[in-house]
Amino acid sequence: MGNLTIRNVPDEIVRSLKVAAAENGRSMEAELRDLVKRSYKSRLTKPNAGLQGWVRELYEGNPPSDVVEEFLRHRQDDFDD
């Protein structure tokens, strides 16, 4: 399993996380693991559903044959802005 390090979390979020963890009888780490797992559960069962929907929406249901290259070009444009 992988490890994550999260820096610069606002104090109010940390306090809220501590409260939630205590209410659920677990550590902050266990609370975060559960939160991440629940947040990404749908992606684990349908890993590309979000991307496929985004592509359909972007191209109004008619994606070009070179959709991967087009996707990468759009992502690069996002970074260049």
N, C-alpha and C. Protein backbone atom coordinates (compact mmCIF):
# COMPACT_ATOMS: atom_id res chain seq x y z
N MET A 1 0.84 -1.18 0.00
CA MET A 1 0.00 0.00 0.00
C MET A 1 0.88 1.24 0.00
N GLY A 2 0.35 2.29 -0.57
CA GLY A 2 1.08 3.54 -0.65
C GLY A 2 0.94 4.38 0.60
N ASN A 3 1.77 5.40 0.67
CA ASN A 3 1.73 6.36 1.78
C ASN A 3 1.52 7.75 1.22
N LEU A 4 0.83 8.59 1.98
CA LEU A 4 0.60 9.97 1.60
C LEU A 4 1.09 10.89 2.69
N THR A 5 1.62 12.03 2.31
CA THR A 5 1.96 13.08 3.25
C THR A 5 1.23 14.32 2.79
N ILE A 6 0.47 14.92 3.68
CA ILE A 6 -0.30 16.11 3.32
C ILE A 6 0.20 17.27 4.18
N ARG A 7 0.66 18.31 3.53
CA ARG A 7 1.18 19.47 4.24
C ARG A 7 0.22 20.65 4.09
N ASN A 8 0.40 21.62 4.97
CA ASN A 8 -0.32 22.90 4.91
C ASN A 8 -1.84 22.74 4.96
N VAL A 9 -2.30 21.84 5.80
CA VAL A 9 -3.74 21.67 6.00
C VAL A 9 -4.18 22.76 6.98
N PRO A 10 -5.21 23.52 6.63
CA PRO A 10 -5.66 24.60 7.53
C PRO A 10 -6.03 24.05 8.91
N ASP A 11 -5.73 24.84 9.94
CA ASP A 11 -5.98 24.42 11.31
C ASP A 11 -7.43 24.02 11.57
N GLU A 12 -8.37 24.75 10.98
CA GLU A 12 -9.79 24.43 11.22
C GLU A 12 -10.15 23.06 10.64
N ILE A 13 -9.49 22.66 9.55
CA ILE A 13 -9.73 21.34 8.97
C ILE A 13 -9.15 20.26 9.89
N VAL A 14 -7.97 20.51 10.41
CA VAL A 14 -7.34 19.55 11.33
C VAL A 14 -8.21 19.38 12.57
N ARG A 15 -8.70 20.49 13.13
CA ARG A 15 -9.58 20.40 14.31
C ARG A 15 -10.84 19.59 13.99
N SER A 16 -11.44 19.87 12.85
CA SER A 16 -12.65 19.16 12.45
C SER A 16 -12.37 17.66 12.25
N LEU A 17 -11.23 17.36 11.68
CA LEU A 17 -10.84 15.97 11.48
C LEU A 17 -10.64 15.25 12.82
N LYS A 18 -10.01 15.95 13.77
CA LYS A 18 -9.81 15.36 15.10
C LYS A 18 -11.15 15.04 15.76
N VAL A 19 -12.10 15.95 15.64
CA VAL A 19 -13.42 15.75 16.22
C VAL A 19 -14.12 14.56 15.56
N ALA A 20 -14.10 14.52 14.23
CA ALA A 20 -14.73 13.42 13.50
C ALA A 20 -14.10 12.08 13.87
N ALA A 21 -12.78 12.06 13.97
CA ALA A 21 -12.08 10.82 14.33
C ALA A 21 -12.50 10.37 15.73
N ALA A 22 -12.55 11.31 16.67
CA ALA A 22 -12.95 10.97 18.04
C ALA A 22 -14.40 10.47 18.07
N GLU A 23 -15.28 11.11 17.34
CA GLU A 23 -16.68 10.68 17.28
C GLU A 23 -16.82 9.28 16.73
N ASN A 24 -15.94 8.92 15.81
CA ASN A 24 -15.99 7.60 15.19
C ASN A 24 -15.09 6.57 15.89
N GLY A 25 -14.44 7.00 16.98
CA GLY A 25 -13.62 6.08 17.76
C GLY A 25 -12.39 5.58 17.04
N ARG A 26 -11.78 6.44 16.25
CA ARG A 26 -10.57 6.02 15.53
C ARG A 26 -9.57 7.15 15.47
N SER A 27 -8.38 6.83 15.00
CA SER A 27 -7.32 7.83 14.88
C SER A 27 -7.61 8.76 13.69
N MET A 28 -6.91 9.88 13.67
CA MET A 28 -7.04 10.78 12.52
C MET A 28 -6.61 10.08 11.24
N GLU A 29 -5.58 9.28 11.33
CA GLU A 29 -5.11 8.55 10.15
C GLU A 29 -6.18 7.60 9.63
N ALA A 30 -6.81 6.86 10.54
CA ALA A 30 -7.88 5.94 10.13
C ALA A 30 -9.07 6.72 9.57
N GLU A 31 -9.36 7.86 10.16
CA GLU A 31 -10.46 8.70 9.66
C GLU A 31 -10.18 9.17 8.23
N LEU A 32 -8.96 9.60 7.99
CA LEU A 32 -8.58 10.03 6.64
C LEU A 32 -8.60 8.89 5.64
N ARG A 33 -8.12 7.71 6.05
CA ARG A 33 -8.16 6.55 5.16
C ARG A 33 -9.60 6.26 4.74
N ASP A 34 -10.51 6.28 5.72
CA ASP A 34 -11.91 6.01 5.42
C ASP A 34 -12.48 7.08 4.50
N LEU A 35 -12.16 8.32 4.76
CA LEU A 35 -12.66 9.43 3.94
C LEU A 35 -12.17 9.30 2.49
N VAL A 36 -10.91 9.02 2.32
CA VAL A 36 -10.34 8.87 0.97
C VAL A 36 -10.96 7.66 0.28
N LYS A 37 -11.08 6.56 0.99
CA LYS A 37 -11.66 5.35 0.39
C LYS A 37 -13.10 5.61 -0.06
N ARG A 38 -13.90 6.25 0.80
CA ARG A 38 -15.29 6.53 0.43
C ARG A 38 -15.36 7.52 -0.73
N SER A 39 -14.47 8.49 -0.75
CA SER A 39 -14.48 9.52 -1.80
C SER A 39 -14.13 8.95 -3.17
N TYR A 40 -13.29 7.93 -3.20
CA TYR A 40 -12.83 7.39 -4.47
C TYR A 40 -13.38 6.00 -4.78
N LYS A 41 -14.34 5.52 -3.97
CA LYS A 41 -14.87 4.18 -4.17
C LYS A 41 -15.45 4.00 -5.57
N SER A 42 -16.19 4.97 -6.07
CA SER A 42 -16.78 4.83 -7.40
C SER A 42 -15.71 4.76 -8.48
N ARG A 43 -14.59 5.43 -8.28
CA ARG A 43 -13.51 5.37 -9.26
C ARG A 43 -12.83 4.01 -9.25
N LEU A 44 -12.87 3.33 -8.11
CA LEU A 44 -12.27 2.00 -8.04
C LEU A 44 -13.08 0.99 -8.83
N THR A 45 -14.40 1.16 -8.85
CA THR A 45 -15.24 0.23 -9.60
C THR A 45 -15.41 0.65 -11.04
N LYS A 46 -15.36 1.96 -11.32
CA LYS A 46 -15.49 2.48 -12.68
C LYS A 46 -14.40 3.53 -12.89
N PRO A 47 -13.14 3.11 -13.05
CA PRO A 47 -12.04 4.06 -13.06
C PRO A 47 -12.09 5.13 -14.13
N ASN A 48 -12.72 4.87 -15.27
CA ASN A 48 -12.71 5.85 -16.35
C ASN A 48 -14.04 6.54 -16.55
N ALA A 49 -15.01 6.28 -15.69
CA ALA A 49 -16.35 6.84 -15.90
C ALA A 49 -16.31 8.36 -15.94
N GLY A 50 -15.58 8.98 -15.04
CA GLY A 50 -15.49 10.44 -15.02
C GLY A 50 -14.82 10.99 -16.26
N LEU A 51 -13.75 10.38 -16.67
CA LEU A 51 -13.03 10.82 -17.86
C LEU A 51 -13.89 10.63 -19.11
N GLN A 52 -14.56 9.50 -19.21
CA GLN A 52 -15.40 9.25 -20.38
C GLN A 52 -16.53 10.27 -20.46
N GLY A 53 -17.13 10.57 -19.32
CA GLY A 53 -18.19 11.58 -19.30
C GLY A 53 -17.67 12.95 -19.70
N TRP A 54 -16.47 13.27 -19.21
CA TRP A 54 -15.86 14.57 -19.53
C TRP A 54 -15.60 14.66 -21.04
N VAL A 55 -15.09 13.59 -21.63
CA VAL A 55 -14.80 13.58 -23.07
C VAL A 55 -16.10 13.74 -23.86
N ARG A 56 -17.15 12.99 -23.48
CA ARG A 56 -18.44 13.12 -24.18
C ARG A 56 -18.97 14.54 -24.09
N GLU A 57 -18.87 15.12 -22.90
CA GLU A 57 -19.36 16.49 -22.71
C GLU A 57 -18.52 17.49 -23.50
N LEU A 58 -17.22 17.33 -23.45
CA LEU A 58 -16.31 18.25 -24.14
C LEU A 58 -16.58 18.27 -25.64
N TYR A 59 -16.82 17.11 -26.21
CA TYR A 59 -16.99 17.01 -27.66
C TYR A 59 -18.45 16.80 -28.06
N GLU A 60 -19.36 17.09 -27.12
CA GLU A 60 -20.80 17.00 -27.38
C GLU A 60 -21.17 15.66 -28.01
N GLY A 61 -20.62 14.58 -27.45
CA GLY A 61 -20.96 13.23 -27.89
C GLY A 61 -20.28 12.77 -29.16
N ASN A 62 -19.39 13.58 -29.73
CA ASN A 62 -18.75 13.23 -30.99
C ASN A 62 -17.24 13.44 -30.87
N PRO A 63 -16.55 12.60 -30.06
CA PRO A 63 -15.12 12.81 -29.88
C PRO A 63 -14.33 12.51 -31.14
N PRO A 64 -13.24 13.23 -31.37
CA PRO A 64 -12.39 12.97 -32.54
C PRO A 64 -11.68 11.63 -32.40
N SER A 65 -11.20 11.10 -33.50
CA SER A 65 -10.52 9.80 -33.47
C SER A 65 -9.22 9.87 -32.67
N ASP A 66 -8.62 11.04 -32.60
CA ASP A 66 -7.38 11.20 -31.84
C ASP A 66 -7.67 11.80 -30.47
N VAL A 67 -8.70 11.28 -29.78
CA VAL A 67 -9.16 11.85 -28.53
C VAL A 67 -8.08 11.90 -27.46
N VAL A 68 -7.20 10.92 -27.41
CA VAL A 68 -6.15 10.92 -26.40
C VAL A 68 -5.21 12.12 -26.61
N GLU A 69 -4.77 12.31 -27.84
CA GLU A 69 -3.89 13.44 -28.13
C GLU A 69 -4.61 14.76 -27.86
N GLU A 70 -5.89 14.82 -28.22
CA GLU A 70 -6.69 16.02 -27.99
C GLU A 70 -6.82 16.30 -26.50
N PHE A 71 -7.07 15.26 -25.73
CA PHE A 71 -7.17 15.39 -24.27
C PHE A 71 -5.86 15.93 -23.70
N LEU A 72 -4.75 15.35 -24.12
CA LEU A 72 -3.45 15.79 -23.62
C LEU A 72 -3.18 17.24 -24.00
N ARG A 73 -3.58 17.63 -25.19
CA ARG A 73 -3.39 19.02 -25.63
C ARG A 73 -4.20 19.97 -24.73
N HIS A 74 -5.44 19.61 -24.43
CA HIS A 74 -6.27 20.44 -23.56
C HIS A 74 -5.66 20.53 -22.15
N ARG A 75 -5.16 19.41 -21.65
CA ARG A 75 -4.55 19.42 -20.32
C ARG A 75 -3.31 20.31 -20.33
N GLN A 76 -2.51 20.25 -21.40
CA GLN A 76 -1.32 21.09 -21.47
C GLN A 76 -1.72 22.55 -21.50
N ASP A 77 -2.80 22.87 -22.23
CA ASP A 77 -3.29 24.24 -22.26
C ASP A 77 -3.65 24.72 -20.87
N ASP A 78 -4.23 23.84 -20.03
CA ASP A 78 -4.58 24.20 -18.67
C ASP A 78 -3.34 24.58 -17.88
N PHE A 79 -2.24 23.86 -18.09
CA PHE A 79 -1.01 24.13 -17.37
C PHE A 79 -0.30 25.38 -17.89
N ASP A 80 -0.49 25.68 -19.16
CA ASP A 80 0.19 26.83 -19.75
C ASP A 80 -0.45 28.15 -19.37
N ASP A 81 -1.71 28.12 -18.95
CA ASP A 81 -2.40 29.37 -18.58
C ASP A 81 -1.85 30.02 -17.35
